[in-house]
Structures are given as structure tokens and as C-alpha cells.
């Protein structure tokens, strides 16, 4: 539990040292939008509309650069050449981006995504995927 105290500038300060503003509406709307986009991207993948899904995941990471799940999905799709043929010039660029996306997934993902990303990175680097 955190205790909240008002700082002199009108912001709340949590007892763990974090400071947050009174108006969190913008951040909440952004998170809700990203969640909706993730759901839509998952539906597109399930419908095998890979080009649209890939573009949607790119929009997600543009809007929320620390979205580990989206980086993970981009990495898998790029590695398996699903939905990204229009995006990359050649196979080398595609594989390089797949590794980059997976490294970001490992960095920003939740514990589950980090575990999967580490495993996939190992196999990507050792040529076993």
C-alpha cells in the first residue's frame, strides 16, 4: 500500500518516492487504446490477415514504445515472414529486424514474454527456429 501526500506543487507523492499528476485521464485513454489495438491485431492474426496485423503491431509500438507483447509478435511475424513482405527490402533486413524486435520484447515484456523472447532469441541466433 502507498500513502499519498500532496507535494507543494499540487502533485501527489507516493511513499515510494514516485510523483504523479492529478489528471491521469490521458494515460488511461492511451492504455485503453493500446489494449483495443492489441485485441484487433490478435483478431487479424487469427483471421490470417497478416499484413494488416503487422501494420497494427507497428502502430502499437509507435504509440507505446515499451509494449513488449507487440514487439514479441512483430519479431515472430518478421522471422517467419508473415505480413511484412511490403515492409522490408530483403531477407537480411527482415531477419535483423526480427532480432531487434525480439530483443525489445525481452527488454520491455512482462515475465512471460521475457521468458519466451529469451528462448526465441536463443534459437534465432543459433539457427534453430
C-alpha atoms as a PDB file:
ATOM      1  CA  UNK A   1       0.000   0.000   0.000  1.00  0.00           C
ATOM      2  CA  UNK A   2       1.079   3.506  -0.724  1.00  0.00           C
ATOM      3  CA  UNK A   3       0.281   6.552   1.303  1.00  0.00           C
ATOM      4  CA  UNK A   4      -0.425   9.661  -0.696  1.00  0.00           C
ATOM      5  CA  UNK A   5       0.818  13.069   0.253  1.00  0.00           C
ATOM      6  CA  UNK A   6       0.436  16.367  -1.549  1.00  0.00           C
ATOM      7  CA  UNK A   7       3.645  17.973  -2.680  1.00  0.00           C
ATOM      8  CA  UNK A   8       3.825  21.789  -2.626  1.00  0.00           C
ATOM      9  CA  UNK A   9       3.317  21.925  -6.405  1.00  0.00           C
ATOM     10  CA  UNK A  10      -0.093  20.185  -6.187  1.00  0.00           C
ATOM     11  CA  UNK A  11       1.107  16.776  -7.277  1.00  0.00           C
ATOM     12  CA  UNK A  12       0.643  13.636  -5.253  1.00  0.00           C
ATOM     13  CA  UNK A  13       3.733  11.926  -3.987  1.00  0.00           C
ATOM     14  CA  UNK A  14       3.575   8.230  -3.238  1.00  0.00           C
ATOM     15  CA  UNK A  15       5.513   6.940  -0.253  1.00  0.00           C
ATOM     16  CA  UNK A  16       7.796   5.031  -2.609  1.00  0.00           C
ATOM     17  CA  UNK A  17       9.046   8.351  -3.980  1.00  0.00           C
ATOM     18  CA  UNK A  18       7.026   8.415  -7.207  1.00  0.00           C
ATOM     19  CA  UNK A  19       5.171  11.560  -8.149  1.00  0.00           C
ATOM     20  CA  UNK A  20       2.100  11.504 -10.333  1.00  0.00           C
ATOM     21  CA  UNK A  21      -0.164  14.266 -11.558  1.00  0.00           C
ATOM     22  CA  UNK A  22      -3.796  14.631 -10.540  1.00  0.00           C
ATOM     23  CA  UNK A  23      -5.093  14.114 -14.067  1.00  0.00           C
ATOM     24  CA  UNK A  24      -4.377  10.554 -15.202  1.00  0.00           C
ATOM     25  CA  UNK A  25      -7.132  10.525 -17.845  1.00  0.00           C
ATOM     26  CA  UNK A  26      -4.776  10.940 -20.781  1.00  0.00           C
ATOM     27  CA  UNK A  27      -2.617   7.982 -19.755  1.00  0.00           C
ATOM     28  CA  UNK A  28      -5.660   5.780 -19.139  1.00  0.00           C
ATOM     29  CA  UNK A  29      -7.144   6.601 -22.534  1.00  0.00           C
ATOM     30  CA  UNK A  30      -3.832   5.785 -24.185  1.00  0.00           C
ATOM     31  CA  UNK A  31      -3.622   2.427 -22.398  1.00  0.00           C
ATOM     32  CA  UNK A  32      -7.211   1.606 -23.327  1.00  0.00           C
ATOM     33  CA  UNK A  33      -6.499   2.449 -26.941  1.00  0.00           C
ATOM     34  CA  UNK A  34      -3.417   0.213 -26.994  1.00  0.00           C
ATOM     35  CA  UNK A  35      -5.404  -2.627 -25.441  1.00  0.00           C
ATOM     36  CA  UNK A  36      -8.064  -2.241 -28.136  1.00  0.00           C
ATOM     37  CA  UNK A  37      -5.381  -2.217 -30.821  1.00  0.00           C
ATOM     38  CA  UNK A  38      -3.786  -5.369 -29.381  1.00  0.00           C
ATOM     39  CA  UNK A  39      -7.163  -7.107 -29.468  1.00  0.00           C
ATOM     40  CA  UNK A  40      -7.732  -6.053 -33.062  1.00  0.00           C
ATOM     41  CA  UNK A  41      -4.236  -7.195 -34.071  1.00  0.00           C
ATOM     42  CA  UNK A  42      -4.848 -10.596 -32.462  1.00  0.00           C
ATOM     43  CA  UNK A  43      -8.133 -10.916 -34.375  1.00  0.00           C
ATOM     44  CA  UNK A  44      -6.340 -10.057 -37.610  1.00  0.00           C
ATOM     45  CA  UNK A  45      -3.720 -12.756 -36.978  1.00  0.00           C
ATOM     46  CA  UNK A  46      -6.449 -15.290 -36.182  1.00  0.00           C
ATOM     47  CA  UNK A  47      -8.091 -14.352 -39.497  1.00  0.00           C
ATOM     48  CA  UNK A  48      -4.722 -14.795 -41.246  1.00  0.00           C
ATOM     49  CA  UNK A  49      -4.703 -11.130 -42.284  1.00  0.00           C
ATOM     50  CA  UNK A  50      -1.008 -10.891 -41.542  1.00  0.00           C
ATOM     51  CA  UNK A  51      -0.242  -7.697 -43.488  1.00  0.00           C
ATOM     52  CA  UNK A  52      -2.890  -5.767 -41.564  1.00  0.00           C
ATOM     53  CA  UNK A  53      -1.846  -7.342 -38.251  1.00  0.00           C
ATOM     54  CA  UNK A  54       1.819  -6.464 -38.806  1.00  0.00           C
ATOM     55  CA  UNK A  55       0.892  -2.848 -39.528  1.00  0.00           C
ATOM     56  CA  UNK A  56      -1.323  -2.756 -36.428  1.00  0.00           C
ATOM     57  CA  UNK A  57       1.537  -4.033 -34.226  1.00  0.00           C
ATOM     58  CA  UNK A  58       3.805  -1.359 -35.728  1.00  0.00           C
ATOM     59  CA  UNK A  59       1.215   1.272 -34.782  1.00  0.00           C
ATOM     60  CA  UNK A  60       1.084  -0.135 -31.262  1.00  0.00           C
ATOM     61  CA  UNK A  61       4.845   0.165 -30.694  1.00  0.00           C
ATOM     62  CA  UNK A  62       4.825   3.627 -32.236  1.00  0.00           C
ATOM     63  CA  UNK A  63       2.119   4.680 -29.775  1.00  0.00           C
ATOM     64  CA  UNK A  64       3.568   2.742 -26.831  1.00  0.00           C
ATOM     65  CA  UNK A  65       7.320   2.099 -27.342  1.00  0.00           C
ATOM     66  CA  UNK A  66       7.545  -0.144 -24.273  1.00  0.00           C
ATOM     67  CA  UNK A  67       4.837  -2.601 -25.377  1.00  0.00           C
ATOM     68  CA  UNK A  68       6.760  -5.878 -25.032  1.00  0.00           C
ATOM     69  CA  UNK A  69       3.955  -8.118 -26.304  1.00  0.00           C
ATOM     70  CA  UNK A  70       3.707  -6.194 -29.586  1.00  0.00           C
ATOM     71  CA  UNK A  71       7.486  -6.410 -30.100  1.00  0.00           C
ATOM     72  CA  UNK A  72       7.301 -10.148 -29.472  1.00  0.00           C
ATOM     73  CA  UNK A  73       4.559 -10.570 -32.086  1.00  0.00           C
ATOM     74  CA  UNK A  74       6.456  -8.394 -34.568  1.00  0.00           C
ATOM     75  CA  UNK A  75       9.593 -10.462 -34.019  1.00  0.00           C
ATOM     76  CA  UNK A  76       7.796 -13.736 -34.666  1.00  0.00           C
ATOM     77  CA  UNK A  77       5.984 -12.409 -37.705  1.00  0.00           C
ATOM     78  CA  UNK A  78       9.141 -10.893 -39.194  1.00  0.00           C
ATOM     79  CA  UNK A  79      11.171 -14.036 -38.595  1.00  0.00           C
ATOM     80  CA  UNK A  80       8.522 -16.227 -40.236  1.00  0.00           C
ATOM     81  CA  UNK A  81       7.919 -13.650 -42.994  1.00  0.00           C
ATOM     82  CA  UNK A  82       4.240 -13.192 -42.133  1.00  0.00           C
ATOM     83  CA  UNK A  83       2.742  -9.853 -43.090  1.00  0.00           C
ATOM     84  CA  UNK A  84       5.973  -7.967 -43.590  1.00  0.00           C
ATOM     85  CA  UNK A  85       6.896  -8.586 -47.227  1.00  0.00           C
ATOM     86  CA  UNK A  86       5.980  -4.984 -48.085  1.00  0.00           C
ATOM     87  CA  UNK A  87       7.936  -3.565 -45.148  1.00  0.00           C
ATOM     88  CA  UNK A  88      11.453  -4.970 -45.605  1.00  0.00           C
ATOM     89  CA  UNK A  89      13.682  -4.774 -48.674  1.00  0.00           C
ATOM     90  CA  UNK A  90      15.173  -8.236 -48.318  1.00  0.00           C
ATOM     91  CA  UNK A  91      15.534 -11.273 -46.094  1.00  0.00           C
ATOM     92  CA  UNK A  92      18.616  -9.939 -44.330  1.00  0.00           C
ATOM     93  CA  UNK A  93      16.852  -6.745 -43.257  1.00  0.00           C
ATOM     94  CA  UNK A  94      13.818  -8.775 -42.168  1.00  0.00           C
ATOM     95  CA  UNK A  95      15.917 -11.146 -40.021  1.00  0.00           C
ATOM     96  CA  UNK A  96      17.818  -8.215 -38.490  1.00  0.00           C
ATOM     97  CA  UNK A  97      14.552  -6.508 -37.550  1.00  0.00           C
ATOM     98  CA  UNK A  98      13.150  -9.788 -36.188  1.00  0.00           C
ATOM     99  CA  UNK A  99      16.110  -9.979 -33.787  1.00  0.00           C
ATOM    100  CA  UNK A 100      15.720  -6.304 -32.872  1.00  0.00           C
ATOM    101  CA  UNK A 101      12.011  -6.739 -32.146  1.00  0.00           C
ATOM    102  CA  UNK A 102      12.662  -9.838 -30.053  1.00  0.00           C
ATOM    103  CA  UNK A 103      15.380  -8.059 -28.052  1.00  0.00           C
ATOM    104  CA  UNK A 104      12.920  -5.256 -27.302  1.00  0.00           C
ATOM    105  CA  UNK A 105      10.326  -7.856 -26.301  1.00  0.00           C
ATOM    106  CA  UNK A 106      12.844  -9.287 -23.849  1.00  0.00           C
ATOM    107  CA  UNK A 107      13.596  -5.812 -22.513  1.00  0.00           C
ATOM    108  CA  UNK A 108      10.031  -4.486 -22.194  1.00  0.00           C
ATOM    109  CA  UNK A 109       7.844  -7.575 -21.888  1.00  0.00           C
ATOM    110  CA  UNK A 110       6.228  -8.964 -18.780  1.00  0.00           C
ATOM    111  CA  UNK A 111       7.833 -12.024 -17.177  1.00  0.00           C
ATOM    112  CA  UNK A 112       6.085 -14.448 -19.519  1.00  0.00           C
ATOM    113  CA  UNK A 113       7.028 -12.520 -22.675  1.00  0.00           C
ATOM    114  CA  UNK A 114      10.621 -12.133 -21.430  1.00  0.00           C
ATOM    115  CA  UNK A 115      10.886 -15.894 -20.950  1.00  0.00           C
ATOM    116  CA  UNK A 116       9.507 -16.624 -24.430  1.00  0.00           C
ATOM    117  CA  UNK A 117      11.632 -13.900 -26.026  1.00  0.00           C
ATOM    118  CA  UNK A 118      14.843 -15.242 -24.437  1.00  0.00           C
ATOM    119  CA  UNK A 119      14.072 -18.709 -25.740  1.00  0.00           C
ATOM    120  CA  UNK A 120      13.237 -17.487 -29.250  1.00  0.00           C
ATOM    121  CA  UNK A 121      16.341 -15.272 -29.336  1.00  0.00           C
ATOM    122  CA  UNK A 122      18.499 -18.248 -28.424  1.00  0.00           C
ATOM    123  CA  UNK A 123      17.049 -20.277 -31.280  1.00  0.00           C
ATOM    124  CA  UNK A 124      17.185 -17.371 -33.732  1.00  0.00           C
ATOM    125  CA  UNK A 125      20.859 -16.774 -33.017  1.00  0.00           C
ATOM    126  CA  UNK A 126      21.691 -20.473 -33.223  1.00  0.00           C
ATOM    127  CA  UNK A 127      19.696 -21.075 -36.396  1.00  0.00           C
ATOM    128  CA  UNK A 128      17.172 -23.485 -34.922  1.00  0.00           C
ATOM    129  CA  UNK A 129      13.869 -21.647 -35.319  1.00  0.00           C
END
